[in-house]
């Protein structure tokens, strides 16, 4: 069997991250495939309205909602998302944590950035002194 380069397929139930538009950064689920350029997505738990969305404005995640029927209604999609704890699984991924950290950093006030700079300086000082001590003992 030949392994392909693609690990994530466009399929019904695939969780996607929207990367463009008003809903950018939100999660949705592919409910149906419209054509080669668009998919019908729905995000009842994340506030994304049911709509046809182009693939170039979606990023496929590794999460899939198993057993989701094709063209399922909003209530069914919500039920499957809650049953599989998909949103909780997303929040545990390194990708989601990195996005949350970026958002937190972007929302820091001037004083928060100053405190962060001071904490980094403290950490740097402690690390350098520990390394210097270790080198001194090794020599």
N, C-alpha and C. Protein backbone atom coordinates (compact mmCIF):
# COMPACT_ATOMS: atom_id res chain seq x y z
N UNK A 1 0.84 -1.19 0.00
CA UNK A 1 0.00 0.00 0.00
C UNK A 1 0.88 1.24 0.00
N UNK A 2 0.56 2.20 -0.82
CA UNK A 2 1.32 3.44 -0.92
C UNK A 2 0.69 4.46 0.03
N UNK A 3 1.53 5.04 0.88
CA UNK A 3 1.04 6.06 1.80
C UNK A 3 1.02 7.41 1.10
N UNK A 4 -0.09 8.11 1.20
CA UNK A 4 -0.20 9.43 0.60
C UNK A 4 0.34 10.50 1.54
N UNK A 5 0.50 11.67 1.01
CA UNK A 5 1.02 12.78 1.80
C UNK A 5 -0.08 13.38 2.68
N UNK A 6 -1.34 13.19 2.31
CA UNK A 6 -2.43 13.81 3.04
C UNK A 6 -2.93 12.91 4.14
N UNK A 7 -3.01 13.46 5.34
CA UNK A 7 -3.51 12.71 6.48
C UNK A 7 -4.96 13.05 6.79
N UNK A 8 -5.40 14.23 6.38
CA UNK A 8 -6.75 14.70 6.70
C UNK A 8 -7.56 14.81 5.42
N UNK A 9 -8.67 14.10 5.38
CA UNK A 9 -9.53 14.09 4.21
C UNK A 9 -10.74 14.98 4.45
N UNK A 10 -11.25 15.57 3.38
CA UNK A 10 -12.51 16.30 3.47
C UNK A 10 -13.60 15.25 3.53
N UNK A 11 -14.32 15.19 4.65
CA UNK A 11 -15.36 14.19 4.84
C UNK A 11 -16.43 14.75 5.76
N UNK A 12 -17.60 14.15 5.70
CA UNK A 12 -18.69 14.55 6.57
C UNK A 12 -18.29 14.21 8.00
N UNK A 13 -18.40 15.19 8.88
CA UNK A 13 -18.02 15.00 10.27
C UNK A 13 -16.64 15.55 10.60
N UNK A 14 -15.88 15.98 9.61
CA UNK A 14 -14.55 16.54 9.86
C UNK A 14 -14.69 17.90 10.53
N UNK A 15 -13.99 18.11 11.62
CA UNK A 15 -13.99 19.39 12.31
C UNK A 15 -12.99 20.30 11.61
N UNK A 16 -13.43 21.52 11.31
CA UNK A 16 -12.59 22.47 10.58
C UNK A 16 -12.45 23.77 11.38
N UNK A 17 -11.34 24.45 11.15
CA UNK A 17 -11.09 25.76 11.74
C UNK A 17 -11.23 26.77 10.62
N UNK A 18 -12.09 27.77 10.83
CA UNK A 18 -12.29 28.79 9.82
C UNK A 18 -11.13 29.77 9.87
N UNK A 19 -10.52 30.07 8.71
CA UNK A 19 -9.34 30.91 8.71
C UNK A 19 -9.53 32.24 7.98
N UNK A 20 -10.78 32.59 7.71
CA UNK A 20 -11.04 33.84 7.01
C UNK A 20 -12.45 34.31 7.32
N UNK A 21 -12.66 35.61 7.35
CA UNK A 21 -13.99 36.16 7.50
C UNK A 21 -14.35 36.52 8.93
N UNK A 22 -15.62 36.80 9.13
CA UNK A 22 -16.11 37.24 10.43
C UNK A 22 -15.97 36.13 11.48
N UNK A 23 -16.08 34.87 11.06
CA UNK A 23 -16.00 33.74 11.99
C UNK A 23 -14.59 33.16 12.08
N UNK A 24 -13.61 33.90 11.65
CA UNK A 24 -12.23 33.41 11.66
C UNK A 24 -11.82 32.98 13.06
N UNK A 25 -11.20 31.80 13.15
CA UNK A 25 -10.75 31.28 14.42
C UNK A 25 -11.77 30.41 15.13
N UNK A 26 -12.96 30.25 14.55
CA UNK A 26 -13.99 29.42 15.17
C UNK A 26 -13.99 28.02 14.55
N UNK A 27 -14.55 27.08 15.29
CA UNK A 27 -14.65 25.70 14.82
C UNK A 27 -16.02 25.45 14.20
N UNK A 28 -16.04 24.55 13.24
CA UNK A 28 -17.30 24.11 12.61
C UNK A 28 -17.11 22.66 12.18
N UNK A 29 -18.18 22.05 11.74
CA UNK A 29 -18.16 20.66 11.29
C UNK A 29 -18.66 20.62 9.85
N UNK A 30 -17.99 19.82 9.02
CA UNK A 30 -18.48 19.63 7.65
C UNK A 30 -19.70 18.72 7.73
N UNK A 31 -20.84 19.25 7.27
CA UNK A 31 -22.10 18.51 7.33
C UNK A 31 -22.39 17.83 6.00
N UNK A 32 -22.00 18.47 4.90
CA UNK A 32 -22.21 17.91 3.58
C UNK A 32 -21.19 18.52 2.63
N UNK A 33 -20.93 17.82 1.53
CA UNK A 33 -19.99 18.30 0.53
C UNK A 33 -20.80 18.82 -0.65
N UNK A 34 -20.62 20.11 -0.97
CA UNK A 34 -21.39 20.74 -2.04
C UNK A 34 -20.79 20.40 -3.39
N UNK A 35 -19.51 20.74 -3.59
CA UNK A 35 -18.80 20.43 -4.84
C UNK A 35 -17.30 20.40 -4.55
N UNK A 36 -16.49 20.51 -5.59
CA UNK A 36 -15.04 20.43 -5.41
C UNK A 36 -14.44 21.65 -4.72
N UNK A 37 -15.22 22.70 -4.58
CA UNK A 37 -14.71 23.93 -3.99
C UNK A 37 -15.33 24.31 -2.66
N UNK A 38 -16.50 23.74 -2.34
CA UNK A 38 -17.23 24.17 -1.15
C UNK A 38 -17.79 23.00 -0.37
N UNK A 39 -17.96 23.25 0.93
CA UNK A 39 -18.61 22.29 1.81
C UNK A 39 -19.65 23.02 2.63
N UNK A 40 -20.68 22.31 3.03
CA UNK A 40 -21.69 22.86 3.92
C UNK A 40 -21.20 22.63 5.35
N UNK A 41 -21.03 23.74 6.09
CA UNK A 41 -20.52 23.62 7.45
C UNK A 41 -21.56 24.12 8.44
N UNK A 42 -21.41 23.68 9.68
CA UNK A 42 -22.31 24.12 10.74
C UNK A 42 -21.54 24.09 12.05
N UNK A 43 -21.75 25.09 12.87
CA UNK A 43 -21.09 25.15 14.17
C UNK A 43 -22.07 25.57 15.24
N UNK A 44 -23.00 24.69 15.63
CA UNK A 44 -24.04 25.09 16.58
C UNK A 44 -23.51 25.44 17.97
N UNK A 45 -22.38 24.86 18.37
CA UNK A 45 -21.85 25.15 19.71
C UNK A 45 -20.84 26.29 19.70
N UNK A 46 -20.38 26.69 18.52
CA UNK A 46 -19.36 27.75 18.44
C UNK A 46 -19.88 29.03 17.82
N UNK A 47 -21.14 29.07 17.43
CA UNK A 47 -21.73 30.29 16.89
C UNK A 47 -21.52 30.48 15.41
N UNK A 48 -21.18 29.43 14.68
CA UNK A 48 -21.01 29.52 13.23
C UNK A 48 -22.32 29.09 12.58
N UNK A 49 -22.88 29.97 11.74
CA UNK A 49 -24.13 29.67 11.07
C UNK A 49 -23.92 28.60 9.99
N UNK A 50 -24.96 27.85 9.71
CA UNK A 50 -24.91 26.83 8.66
C UNK A 50 -24.80 27.53 7.31
N UNK A 51 -23.75 27.20 6.55
CA UNK A 51 -23.50 27.89 5.28
C UNK A 51 -22.54 27.08 4.42
N UNK A 52 -22.58 27.35 3.13
CA UNK A 52 -21.59 26.77 2.22
C UNK A 52 -20.33 27.60 2.35
N UNK A 53 -19.20 26.93 2.50
CA UNK A 53 -17.93 27.62 2.77
C UNK A 53 -16.86 27.05 1.85
N UNK A 54 -16.05 27.89 1.22
CA UNK A 54 -15.00 27.37 0.33
C UNK A 54 -13.88 26.69 1.12
N UNK A 55 -13.31 25.63 0.53
CA UNK A 55 -12.24 24.89 1.19
C UNK A 55 -11.03 25.76 1.46
N UNK A 56 -10.76 26.71 0.61
CA UNK A 56 -9.56 27.53 0.79
C UNK A 56 -9.67 28.43 2.02
N UNK A 57 -10.86 28.57 2.58
CA UNK A 57 -11.05 29.36 3.79
C UNK A 57 -11.23 28.48 5.03
N UNK A 58 -10.97 27.19 4.87
CA UNK A 58 -11.06 26.23 5.97
C UNK A 58 -9.70 25.60 6.21
N UNK A 59 -9.44 25.22 7.44
CA UNK A 59 -8.27 24.41 7.76
C UNK A 59 -8.79 23.14 8.41
N UNK A 60 -8.45 22.00 7.84
CA UNK A 60 -8.91 20.72 8.37
C UNK A 60 -8.14 20.38 9.63
N UNK A 61 -8.86 19.97 10.66
CA UNK A 61 -8.20 19.52 11.89
C UNK A 61 -8.16 17.99 11.86
N UNK A 62 -7.50 17.43 12.85
CA UNK A 62 -7.40 15.97 12.91
C UNK A 62 -8.63 15.34 13.56
N UNK A 63 -9.55 16.15 14.05
CA UNK A 63 -10.75 15.65 14.74
C UNK A 63 -11.85 15.32 13.74
N UNK A 64 -12.52 14.20 13.98
CA UNK A 64 -13.66 13.80 13.16
C UNK A 64 -14.79 13.38 14.09
N UNK A 65 -16.00 13.85 13.80
CA UNK A 65 -17.18 13.44 14.55
C UNK A 65 -17.67 12.14 13.90
N UNK A 66 -17.46 11.04 14.59
CA UNK A 66 -17.79 9.72 14.03
C UNK A 66 -19.31 9.52 13.98
N UNK A 67 -19.76 8.93 12.88
CA UNK A 67 -21.16 8.55 12.74
C UNK A 67 -22.12 9.67 12.40
N UNK A 68 -21.62 10.86 12.12
CA UNK A 68 -22.51 11.98 11.80
C UNK A 68 -23.16 11.73 10.44
N UNK A 69 -24.50 11.69 10.38
CA UNK A 69 -25.14 11.47 9.08
C UNK A 69 -24.99 12.67 8.16
N UNK A 70 -25.02 12.39 6.88
CA UNK A 70 -24.87 13.44 5.88
C UNK A 70 -26.06 14.40 5.92
N UNK A 71 -25.79 15.69 5.81
CA UNK A 71 -26.81 16.75 5.83
C UNK A 71 -27.63 16.74 7.12
N UNK A 72 -27.00 16.41 8.23
CA UNK A 72 -27.69 16.37 9.52
C UNK A 72 -28.10 17.78 9.92
N UNK A 73 -29.22 17.86 10.64
CA UNK A 73 -29.71 19.15 11.11
C UNK A 73 -28.88 19.68 12.27
N UNK A 74 -29.16 20.90 12.65
CA UNK A 74 -28.39 21.57 13.68
C UNK A 74 -28.47 20.86 15.02
N UNK A 75 -29.65 20.36 15.38
CA UNK A 75 -29.82 19.66 16.66
C UNK A 75 -29.03 18.36 16.68
N UNK A 76 -29.02 17.66 15.56
CA UNK A 76 -28.29 16.38 15.46
C UNK A 76 -26.78 16.64 15.56
N UNK A 77 -26.31 17.67 14.87
CA UNK A 77 -24.88 18.01 14.91
C UNK A 77 -24.48 18.35 16.34
N UNK A 78 -25.31 19.15 17.01
CA UNK A 78 -25.02 19.54 18.39
C UNK A 78 -24.97 18.32 19.30
N UNK A 79 -25.91 17.39 19.09
CA UNK A 79 -25.95 16.18 19.91
C UNK A 79 -24.69 15.34 19.72
N UNK A 80 -24.25 15.19 18.47
CA UNK A 80 -23.05 14.41 18.19
C UNK A 80 -21.79 15.08 18.74
N UNK A 81 -21.74 16.41 18.64
CA UNK A 81 -20.59 17.13 19.18
C UNK A 81 -20.48 16.95 20.69
N UNK A 82 -21.62 17.01 21.37
CA UNK A 82 -21.61 16.85 22.82
C UNK A 82 -21.34 15.40 23.22
N UNK A 83 -21.88 14.46 22.44
CA UNK A 83 -21.67 13.04 22.76
C UNK A 83 -20.20 12.65 22.63
N UNK A 84 -19.53 13.15 21.61
CA UNK A 84 -18.12 12.82 21.39
C UNK A 84 -17.16 13.73 22.13
N UNK A 85 -17.68 14.76 22.83
CA UNK A 85 -16.86 15.75 23.55
C UNK A 85 -15.79 16.33 22.62
N UNK A 86 -16.22 16.70 21.42
CA UNK A 86 -15.29 17.16 20.40
C UNK A 86 -14.65 18.50 20.75
N UNK A 87 -15.42 19.42 21.28
CA UNK A 87 -14.88 20.74 21.61
C UNK A 87 -13.85 20.61 22.75
N UNK A 88 -14.12 19.74 23.71
CA UNK A 88 -13.16 19.51 24.80
C UNK A 88 -11.88 18.88 24.26
N UNK A 89 -12.03 17.96 23.31
CA UNK A 89 -10.85 17.33 22.70
C UNK A 89 -10.03 18.36 21.94
N UNK A 90 -10.71 19.31 21.27
CA UNK A 90 -10.00 20.36 20.54
C UNK A 90 -9.20 21.24 21.50
N UNK A 91 -9.83 21.60 22.64
CA UNK A 91 -9.17 22.49 23.58
C UNK A 91 -7.93 21.86 24.21
N UNK A 92 -7.83 20.54 24.17
CA UNK A 92 -6.66 19.85 24.72
C UNK A 92 -5.49 19.79 23.73
N UNK A 93 -5.76 20.05 22.46
CA UNK A 93 -4.70 19.94 21.45
C UNK A 93 -3.70 21.09 21.59
N UNK A 94 -2.47 20.84 21.17
CA UNK A 94 -1.42 21.86 21.22
C UNK A 94 -1.79 23.04 20.32
N UNK A 95 -2.43 22.76 19.21
CA UNK A 95 -2.84 23.80 18.26
C UNK A 95 -3.79 24.80 18.94
N UNK A 96 -4.81 24.28 19.63
CA UNK A 96 -5.79 25.14 20.30
C UNK A 96 -5.13 25.93 21.43
N UNK A 97 -4.24 25.28 22.15
CA UNK A 97 -3.56 25.96 23.25
C UNK A 97 -2.67 27.08 22.73
N UNK A 98 -2.03 26.85 21.59
CA UNK A 98 -1.18 27.88 20.99
C UNK A 98 -2.03 29.08 20.55
N UNK A 99 -3.20 28.81 19.96
CA UNK A 99 -4.09 29.90 19.54
C UNK A 99 -4.59 30.69 20.75
N UNK A 100 -4.92 29.97 21.84
CA UNK A 100 -5.38 30.64 23.05
C UNK A 100 -4.28 31.50 23.65
N UNK A 101 -3.05 30.99 23.61
CA UNK A 101 -1.93 31.76 24.14
C UNK A 101 -1.69 33.03 23.31
N UNK A 102 -1.80 32.90 22.00
CA UNK A 102 -1.65 34.07 21.12
C UNK A 102 -2.69 35.13 21.45
N UNK A 103 -3.93 34.68 21.65
CA UNK A 103 -5.01 35.62 21.96
C UNK A 103 -4.78 36.30 23.30
N UNK A 104 -4.32 35.52 24.28
CA UNK A 104 -4.03 36.08 25.60
C UNK A 104 -2.93 37.12 25.51
N UNK A 105 -1.88 36.79 24.78
CA UNK A 105 -0.76 37.73 24.64
C UNK A 105 -1.20 38.99 23.90
N UNK A 106 -2.05 38.84 22.91
CA UNK A 106 -2.51 40.00 22.14
C UNK A 106 -3.36 40.94 23.00
N UNK A 107 -4.02 40.39 24.01
CA UNK A 107 -4.90 41.19 24.85
C UNK A 107 -4.23 41.72 26.12
N UNK A 108 -2.92 41.54 26.24
CA UNK A 108 -2.21 42.05 27.42
C UNK A 108 -2.19 43.58 27.41
N UNK A 109 -2.27 44.15 28.62
CA UNK A 109 -2.13 45.60 28.74
C UNK A 109 -0.65 45.94 28.78
N UNK A 110 -0.35 47.21 28.76
CA UNK A 110 1.03 47.67 28.80
C UNK A 110 1.71 47.21 30.10
N UNK A 111 1.00 47.31 31.21
CA UNK A 111 1.56 46.90 32.49
C UNK A 111 1.78 45.39 32.54
N UNK A 112 0.85 44.63 31.94
CA UNK A 112 1.01 43.17 31.89
C UNK A 112 2.25 42.79 31.07
N UNK A 113 2.49 43.48 29.97
CA UNK A 113 3.69 43.22 29.17
C UNK A 113 4.95 43.55 29.96
N UNK A 114 4.91 44.62 30.75
CA UNK A 114 6.04 44.99 31.59
C UNK A 114 6.31 43.91 32.63
N UNK A 115 5.25 43.42 33.30
CA UNK A 115 5.42 42.36 34.30
C UNK A 115 5.98 41.10 33.66
N UNK A 116 5.49 40.77 32.46
CA UNK A 116 5.99 39.60 31.74
C UNK A 116 7.48 39.75 31.44
N UNK A 117 7.90 40.95 31.03
CA UNK A 117 9.31 41.19 30.76
C UNK A 117 10.14 40.98 32.02
N UNK A 118 9.65 41.45 33.16
CA UNK A 118 10.37 41.28 34.42
C UNK A 118 10.46 39.81 34.84
N UNK A 119 9.38 39.06 34.66
CA UNK A 119 9.40 37.63 34.99
C UNK A 119 10.38 36.87 34.11
N UNK A 120 10.43 37.25 32.84
CA UNK A 120 11.39 36.60 31.93
C UNK A 120 12.82 36.90 32.36
N UNK A 121 13.07 38.14 32.80
CA UNK A 121 14.41 38.51 33.27
C UNK A 121 14.78 37.70 34.51
N UNK A 122 13.82 37.51 35.43
CA UNK A 122 14.07 36.71 36.63
C UNK A 122 14.41 35.27 36.26
N UNK A 123 13.64 34.71 35.34
CA UNK A 123 13.88 33.34 34.91
C UNK A 123 15.24 33.21 34.24
N UNK A 124 15.57 34.16 33.40
CA UNK A 124 16.86 34.15 32.72
C UNK A 124 18.01 34.22 33.73
N UNK A 125 17.87 35.07 34.75
CA UNK A 125 18.91 35.20 35.78
C UNK A 125 19.08 33.89 36.54
N UNK A 126 17.96 33.27 36.94
CA UNK A 126 18.03 32.02 37.68
C UNK A 126 18.66 30.91 36.84
N UNK A 127 18.31 30.85 35.57
CA UNK A 127 18.86 29.83 34.68
C UNK A 127 20.36 30.02 34.50
N UNK A 128 20.77 31.24 34.26
CA UNK A 128 22.20 31.50 34.03
C UNK A 128 23.04 31.23 35.28
N UNK A 129 22.52 31.57 36.45
CA UNK A 129 23.28 31.29 37.67
C UNK A 129 23.38 29.79 37.92
N UNK A 130 22.29 29.05 37.65
CA UNK A 130 22.32 27.59 37.83
C UNK A 130 23.31 26.94 36.86
N UNK A 131 23.35 27.41 35.62
CA UNK A 131 24.29 26.87 34.63
C UNK A 131 25.73 27.20 35.04
N UNK A 132 25.95 28.42 35.51
CA UNK A 132 27.28 28.82 35.95
C UNK A 132 27.75 27.97 37.12
N UNK A 133 26.84 27.70 38.07
CA UNK A 133 27.17 26.85 39.23
C UNK A 133 27.52 25.44 38.77
N UNK A 134 26.75 24.91 37.83
CA UNK A 134 26.99 23.56 37.33
C UNK A 134 28.34 23.48 36.62
N UNK A 135 28.67 24.49 35.83
CA UNK A 135 29.96 24.52 35.13
C UNK A 135 31.11 24.62 36.13
N UNK A 136 30.91 25.41 37.18
CA UNK A 136 31.94 25.59 38.20
C UNK A 136 32.22 24.28 38.92
N UNK A 137 31.15 23.54 39.24
CA UNK A 137 31.31 22.26 39.94
C UNK A 137 31.92 21.20 39.03
N UNK A 138 31.59 21.24 37.76
CA UNK A 138 32.12 20.25 36.81
C UNK A 138 33.61 20.47 36.56
N UNK A 139 34.05 21.68 36.63
CA UNK A 139 35.46 21.99 36.33
C UNK A 139 36.38 21.70 37.49
